[in-house]
PDB file of all heavy atoms in Angstrom:
ATOM      1  N   ILE A   1     162.086 -91.681-120.180  1.00  0.00           N
ATOM      2  CA  ILE A   1     160.761 -91.791-120.848  1.00  0.00           C
ATOM      3  C   ILE A   1     160.180 -93.148-120.524  1.00  0.00           C
ATOM      4  O   ILE A   1     159.003 -93.252-120.100  1.00  0.00           O
ATOM      5  CB  ILE A   1     160.850 -91.580-122.336  1.00  0.00           C
ATOM      6  CG1 ILE A   1     161.202 -90.116-122.599  1.00  0.00           C
ATOM      7  CG2 ILE A   1     159.620 -92.011-123.130  1.00  0.00           C
ATOM      8  CD1 ILE A   1     161.602 -89.861-124.027  1.00  0.00           C
ATOM      9  N   VAL A   2     160.914 -94.259-120.664  1.00  0.00           N
ATOM     10  CA  VAL A   2     160.368 -95.606-120.418  1.00  0.00           C
ATOM     11  C   VAL A   2     159.976 -95.725-118.931  1.00  0.00           C
ATOM     12  O   VAL A   2     158.924 -96.242-118.561  1.00  0.00           O
ATOM     13  CB  VAL A   2     161.421 -96.723-120.805  1.00  0.00           C
ATOM     14  CG1 VAL A   2     161.046 -98.070-120.217  1.00  0.00           C
ATOM     15  CG2 VAL A   2     161.596 -96.788-122.332  1.00  0.00           C
ATOM     16  N   ASP A   3     160.788 -95.273-118.026  1.00  0.00           N
ATOM     17  CA  ASP A   3     160.576 -95.293-116.559  1.00  0.00           C
ATOM     18  C   ASP A   3     159.252 -94.561-116.302  1.00  0.00           C
ATOM     19  O   ASP A   3     158.415 -95.024-115.507  1.00  0.00           O
ATOM     20  CB  ASP A   3     161.739 -94.765-115.820  1.00  0.00           C
ATOM     21  CG  ASP A   3     161.701 -95.171-114.349  1.00  0.00           C
ATOM     22  OD1 ASP A   3     161.412 -96.364-114.053  1.00  0.00           O
ATOM     23  OD2 ASP A   3     161.961 -94.350-113.472  1.00  0.00           O
ATOM     24  N   THR A   4     159.098 -93.386-116.831  1.00  0.00           N
ATOM     25  CA  THR A   4     157.866 -92.617-116.563  1.00  0.00           C
ATOM     26  C   THR A   4     156.663 -93.333-117.104  1.00  0.00           C
ATOM     27  O   THR A   4     155.640 -93.374-116.401  1.00  0.00           O
ATOM     28  CB  THR A   4     158.067 -91.203-117.274  1.00  0.00           C
ATOM     29  OG1 THR A   4     159.151 -90.539-116.722  1.00  0.00           O
ATOM     30  CG2 THR A   4     156.741 -90.402-117.137  1.00  0.00           C
ATOM     31  N   LEU A   5     156.763 -93.879-118.292  1.00  0.00           N
ATOM     32  CA  LEU A   5     155.610 -94.666-118.784  1.00  0.00           C
ATOM     33  C   LEU A   5     155.291 -95.815-117.978  1.00  0.00           C
ATOM     34  O   LEU A   5     154.050 -96.039-117.748  1.00  0.00           O
ATOM     35  CB  LEU A   5     155.947 -95.095-120.211  1.00  0.00           C
ATOM     36  CG  LEU A   5     155.993 -93.944-121.308  1.00  0.00           C
ATOM     37  CD1 LEU A   5     156.460 -94.482-122.628  1.00  0.00           C
ATOM     38  CD2 LEU A   5     154.688 -93.150-121.445  1.00  0.00           C
ATOM     39  N   LEU A   6     156.254 -96.501-117.581  1.00  0.00           N
ATOM     40  CA  LEU A   6     155.967 -97.734-116.747  1.00  0.00           C
ATOM     41  C   LEU A   6     155.391 -97.384-115.403  1.00  0.00           C
ATOM     42  O   LEU A   6     154.447 -97.959-114.875  1.00  0.00           O
ATOM     43  CB  LEU A   6     157.277 -98.562-116.528  1.00  0.00           C
ATOM     44  CG  LEU A   6     157.766 -99.362-117.708  1.00  0.00           C
ATOM     45  CD1 LEU A   6     159.134 -99.970-117.432  1.00  0.00           C
ATOM     46  CD2 LEU A   6     156.814-100.311-118.194  1.00  0.00           C
ATOM     47  N   LEU A   7     156.024 -96.353-114.649  1.00  0.00           N
ATOM     48  CA  LEU A   7     155.472 -95.947-113.447  1.00  0.00           C
ATOM     49  C   LEU A   7     154.042 -95.449-113.514  1.00  0.00           C
ATOM     50  O   LEU A   7     153.173 -95.640-112.630  1.00  0.00           O
ATOM     51  CB  LEU A   7     156.449 -94.927-112.753  1.00  0.00           C
ATOM     52  CG  LEU A   7     157.789 -95.482-112.244  1.00  0.00           C
ATOM     53  CD1 LEU A   7     158.595 -94.349-111.774  1.00  0.00           C
ATOM     54  CD2 LEU A   7     157.489 -96.545-111.200  1.00  0.00           C
ATOM     55  N   ASN A   8     153.712 -94.735-114.612  1.00  0.00           N
ATOM     56  CA  ASN A   8     152.406 -94.231-114.758  1.00  0.00           C
ATOM     57  C   ASN A   8     151.384 -95.312-115.086  1.00  0.00           C
ATOM     58  O   ASN A   8     150.169 -95.016-114.973  1.00  0.00           O
ATOM     59  CB  ASN A   8     152.344 -93.170-115.879  1.00  0.00           C
ATOM     60  CG  ASN A   8     152.875 -91.871-115.400  1.00  0.00           C
ATOM     61  OD1 ASN A   8     152.591 -91.458-114.281  1.00  0.00           O
ATOM     62  ND2 ASN A   8     153.629 -91.179-116.163  1.00  0.00           N
ATOM     63  N   MET A   9     151.767 -96.511-115.221  1.00  0.00           N
ATOM     64  CA  MET A   9     150.819 -97.646-115.492  1.00  0.00           C
ATOM     65  C   MET A   9     150.388 -98.234-114.080  1.00  0.00           C
ATOM     66  O   MET A   9     149.509 -99.058-114.035  1.00  0.00           O
ATOM     67  CB  MET A   9     151.487 -98.747-116.293  1.00  0.00           C
ATOM     68  CG  MET A   9     151.715 -98.290-117.786  1.00  0.00           C
ATOM     69  SD  MET A   9     152.584 -99.634-118.594  1.00  0.00           S
ATOM     70  CE  MET A   9     151.808 -99.538-120.161  1.00  0.00           C
ATOM     71  N   ILE A  10     150.998 -97.833-113.064  1.00  0.00           N
ATOM     72  CA  ILE A  10     150.716 -98.365-111.670  1.00  0.00           C
ATOM     73  C   ILE A  10     149.873 -97.246-111.000  1.00  0.00           C
ATOM     74  O   ILE A  10     150.426 -96.188-110.653  1.00  0.00           O
ATOM     75  CB  ILE A  10     152.045 -98.683-110.854  1.00  0.00           C
ATOM     76  CG1 ILE A  10     152.828 -99.766-111.604  1.00  0.00           C
ATOM     77  CG2 ILE A  10     151.544 -99.111-109.465  1.00  0.00           C
ATOM     78  CD1 ILE A  10     154.110-100.076-110.963  1.00  0.00           C
ATOM     79  N   PRO A  11     148.614 -97.486-110.888  1.00  0.00           N
ATOM     80  CA  PRO A  11     147.663 -96.448-110.397  1.00  0.00           C
ATOM     81  C   PRO A  11     148.019 -95.936-108.979  1.00  0.00           C
ATOM     82  O   PRO A  11     147.916 -94.729-108.767  1.00  0.00           O
ATOM     83  CB  PRO A  11     146.284 -97.214-110.241  1.00  0.00           C
ATOM     84  CG  PRO A  11     146.421 -98.337-111.248  1.00  0.00           C
ATOM     85  CD  PRO A  11     147.893 -98.745-111.282  1.00  0.00           C
ATOM     86  N   SER A  12     148.542 -96.736-108.110  1.00  0.00           N
ATOM     87  CA  SER A  12     148.791 -96.286-106.712  1.00  0.00           C
ATOM     88  C   SER A  12     149.993 -95.328-106.630  1.00  0.00           C
ATOM     89  O   SER A  12     150.127 -94.538-105.650  1.00  0.00           O
ATOM     90  CB  SER A  12     149.190 -97.466-105.847  1.00  0.00           C
ATOM     91  OG  SER A  12     150.334 -98.121-106.201  1.00  0.00           O
ATOM     92  N   ILE A  13     150.810 -95.272-107.663  1.00  0.00           N
ATOM     93  CA  ILE A  13     151.951 -94.249-107.527  1.00  0.00           C
ATOM     94  C   ILE A  13     151.819 -93.274-108.750  1.00  0.00           C
ATOM     95  O   ILE A  13     152.678 -92.391-108.813  1.00  0.00           O
ATOM     96  CB  ILE A  13     153.299 -94.974-107.640  1.00  0.00           C
ATOM     97  CG1 ILE A  13     153.508 -95.703-108.914  1.00  0.00           C
ATOM     98  CG2 ILE A  13     153.561 -95.815-106.399  1.00  0.00           C
ATOM     99  CD1 ILE A  13     154.946 -96.166-109.087  1.00  0.00           C
ATOM    100  N   ARG A  14     150.838 -93.367-109.657  1.00  0.00           N
ATOM    101  CA  ARG A  14     150.734 -92.501-110.818  1.00  0.00           C
ATOM    102  C   ARG A  14     150.738 -91.011-110.372  1.00  0.00           C
ATOM    103  O   ARG A  14     151.466 -90.157-110.842  1.00  0.00           O
ATOM    104  CB  ARG A  14     149.507 -92.763-111.548  1.00  0.00           C
ATOM    105  CG  ARG A  14     149.355 -91.931-112.836  1.00  0.00           C
ATOM    106  CD  ARG A  14     148.125 -92.215-113.614  1.00  0.00           C
ATOM    107  NE  ARG A  14     148.129 -93.708-113.931  1.00  0.00           N
ATOM    108  CZ  ARG A  14     147.059 -94.423-113.820  1.00  0.00           C
ATOM    109  NH1 ARG A  14     145.917 -93.952-113.402  1.00  0.00           N
ATOM    110  NH2 ARG A  14     147.107 -95.780-114.222  1.00  0.00           N
ATOM    111  N   ASP A  15     149.942 -90.617-109.376  1.00  0.00           N
ATOM    112  CA  ASP A  15     149.894 -89.274-108.928  1.00  0.00           C
ATOM    113  C   ASP A  15     151.043 -88.836-108.150  1.00  0.00           C
ATOM    114  O   ASP A  15     151.533 -87.653-108.272  1.00  0.00           O
ATOM    115  CB  ASP A  15     148.625 -89.116-108.045  1.00  0.00           C
ATOM    116  CG  ASP A  15     147.328 -89.349-108.793  1.00  0.00           C
ATOM    117  OD1 ASP A  15     147.385 -89.161-110.029  1.00  0.00           O
ATOM    118  OD2 ASP A  15     146.387 -89.733-108.183  1.00  0.00           O
ATOM    119  N   LEU A  16     151.613 -89.691-107.475  1.00  0.00           N
ATOM    120  CA  LEU A  16     152.877 -89.370-106.658  1.00  0.00           C
ATOM    121  C   LEU A  16     154.064 -89.087-107.512  1.00  0.00           C
ATOM    122  O   LEU A  16     154.900 -88.242-107.312  1.00  0.00           O
ATOM    123  CB  LEU A  16     153.140 -90.451-105.658  1.00  0.00           C
ATOM    124  CG  LEU A  16     152.099 -90.801-104.594  1.00  0.00           C
ATOM    125  CD1 LEU A  16     152.530 -92.002-103.801  1.00  0.00           C
ATOM    126  CD2 LEU A  16     151.926 -89.558-103.676  1.00  0.00           C
ATOM    127  N   GLU A  17     154.278 -89.969-108.563  1.00  0.00           N
ATOM    128  CA  GLU A  17     155.402 -89.945-109.341  1.00  0.00           C
ATOM    129  C   GLU A  17     155.318 -89.031-110.611  1.00  0.00           C
ATOM    130  O   GLU A  17     156.295 -88.783-111.165  1.00  0.00           O
ATOM    131  CB  GLU A  17     155.828 -91.352-109.803  1.00  0.00           C
ATOM    132  CG  GLU A  17     156.322 -92.288-108.682  1.00  0.00           C
ATOM    133  CD  GLU A  17     157.610 -91.874-108.230  1.00  0.00           C
ATOM    134  OE1 GLU A  17     158.531 -91.376-109.001  1.00  0.00           O
ATOM    135  OE2 GLU A  17     157.909 -91.874-107.000  1.00  0.00           O
ATOM    136  N   GLU A  18     154.198 -88.606-111.028  1.00  0.00           N
ATOM    137  CA  GLU A  18     154.074 -87.918-112.263  1.00  0.00           C
ATOM    138  C   GLU A  18     154.911 -86.660-112.360  1.00  0.00           C
ATOM    139  O   GLU A  18     155.676 -86.508-113.333  1.00  0.00           O
ATOM    140  CB  GLU A  18     152.548 -87.480-112.473  1.00  0.00           C
ATOM    141  CG  GLU A  18     152.254 -87.049-113.808  1.00  0.00           C
ATOM    142  CD  GLU A  18     150.797 -86.807-114.004  1.00  0.00           C
ATOM    143  OE1 GLU A  18     149.986 -87.756-113.730  1.00  0.00           O
ATOM    144  OE2 GLU A  18     150.476 -85.769-114.516  1.00  0.00           O
ATOM    145  N   VAL A  19     154.886 -85.821-111.372  1.00  0.00           N
ATOM    146  CA  VAL A  19     155.720 -84.563-111.385  1.00  0.00           C
ATOM    147  C   VAL A  19     157.212 -84.940-111.333  1.00  0.00           C
ATOM    148  O   VAL A  19     157.982 -84.398-112.116  1.00  0.00           O
ATOM    149  CB  VAL A  19     155.317 -83.713-110.203  1.00  0.00           C
ATOM    150  CG1 VAL A  19     156.216 -82.528-110.180  1.00  0.00           C
ATOM    151  CG2 VAL A  19     153.863 -83.287-110.328  1.00  0.00           C
ATOM    152  N   SER A  20     157.606 -85.846-110.501  1.00  0.00           N
ATOM    153  CA  SER A  20     159.003 -86.225-110.375  1.00  0.00           C
ATOM    154  C   SER A  20     159.509 -86.844-111.668  1.00  0.00           C
ATOM    155  O   SER A  20     160.626 -86.560-112.146  1.00  0.00           O
ATOM    156  CB  SER A  20     159.145 -87.243-109.224  1.00  0.00           C
ATOM    157  OG  SER A  20     160.475 -87.701-109.164  1.00  0.00           O
ATOM    158  N   SER A  21     158.702 -87.742-112.220  1.00  0.00           N
ATOM    159  CA  SER A  21     159.106 -88.433-113.450  1.00  0.00           C
ATOM    160  C   SER A  21     159.269 -87.427-114.624  1.00  0.00           C
ATOM    161  O   SER A  21     160.153 -87.521-115.490  1.00  0.00           O
ATOM    162  CB  SER A  21     158.149 -89.520-113.859  1.00  0.00           C
ATOM    163  OG  SER A  21     158.164 -90.484-112.842  1.00  0.00           O
ATOM    164  N   LEU A  22     158.287 -86.568-114.745  1.00  0.00           N
ATOM    165  CA  LEU A  22     158.345 -85.565-115.773  1.00  0.00           C
ATOM    166  C   LEU A  22     159.564 -84.596-115.598  1.00  0.00           C
ATOM    167  O   LEU A  22     160.121 -84.197-116.637  1.00  0.00           O
ATOM    168  CB  LEU A  22     157.056 -84.738-115.787  1.00  0.00           C
ATOM    169  CG  LEU A  22     155.800 -85.559-116.282  1.00  0.00           C
ATOM    170  CD1 LEU A  22     154.540 -84.691-116.254  1.00  0.00           C
ATOM    171  CD2 LEU A  22     156.011 -86.051-117.708  1.00  0.00           C
ATOM    172  N   LYS A  23     159.916 -84.283-114.396  1.00  0.00           N
ATOM    173  CA  LYS A  23     161.163 -83.537-114.127  1.00  0.00           C
ATOM    174  C   LYS A  23     162.310 -84.290-114.670  1.00  0.00           C
ATOM    175  O   LYS A  23     163.221 -83.684-115.306  1.00  0.00           O
ATOM    176  CB  LYS A  23     161.322 -83.233-112.664  1.00  0.00           C
ATOM    177  CG  LYS A  23     160.474 -82.113-112.071  1.00  0.00           C
ATOM    178  CD  LYS A  23     160.867 -81.895-110.719  1.00  0.00           C
ATOM    179  CE  LYS A  23     159.827 -81.240-109.929  1.00  0.00           C
ATOM    180  NZ  LYS A  23     160.114 -81.097-108.516  1.00  0.00           N
ATOM    181  N   ASP A  24     162.398 -85.526-114.500  1.00  0.00           N
ATOM    182  CA  ASP A  24     163.515 -86.348-114.901  1.00  0.00           C
ATOM    183  C   ASP A  24     163.594 -86.349-116.418  1.00  0.00           C
ATOM    184  O   ASP A  24     164.676 -86.280-117.071  1.00  0.00           O
ATOM    185  CB  ASP A  24     163.420 -87.833-114.405  1.00  0.00           C
ATOM    186  CG  ASP A  24     163.602 -87.926-112.952  1.00  0.00           C
ATOM    187  OD1 ASP A  24     164.196 -87.012-112.318  1.00  0.00           O
ATOM    188  OD2 ASP A  24     163.239 -88.982-112.347  1.00  0.00           O
ATOM    189  N   VAL A  25     162.436 -86.505-117.123  1.00  0.00           N
ATOM    190  CA  VAL A  25     162.392 -86.448-118.594  1.00  0.00           C
ATOM    191  C   VAL A  25     162.866 -85.137-119.091  1.00  0.00           C
ATOM    192  O   VAL A  25     163.642 -84.970-119.945  1.00  0.00           O
ATOM    193  CB  VAL A  25     160.933 -86.838-119.105  1.00  0.00           C
ATOM    194  CG1 VAL A  25     160.899 -86.615-120.620  1.00  0.00           C
ATOM    195  CG2 VAL A  25     160.662 -88.279-118.742  1.00  0.00           C
TER     196      VAL A  25
END
């Protein structure tokens, strides 16, 4: 959860990581 929240704060990777991070959660 923390990793997903932190990564979503970086605009350049928000779209790339959103699906992957949500899968991890």
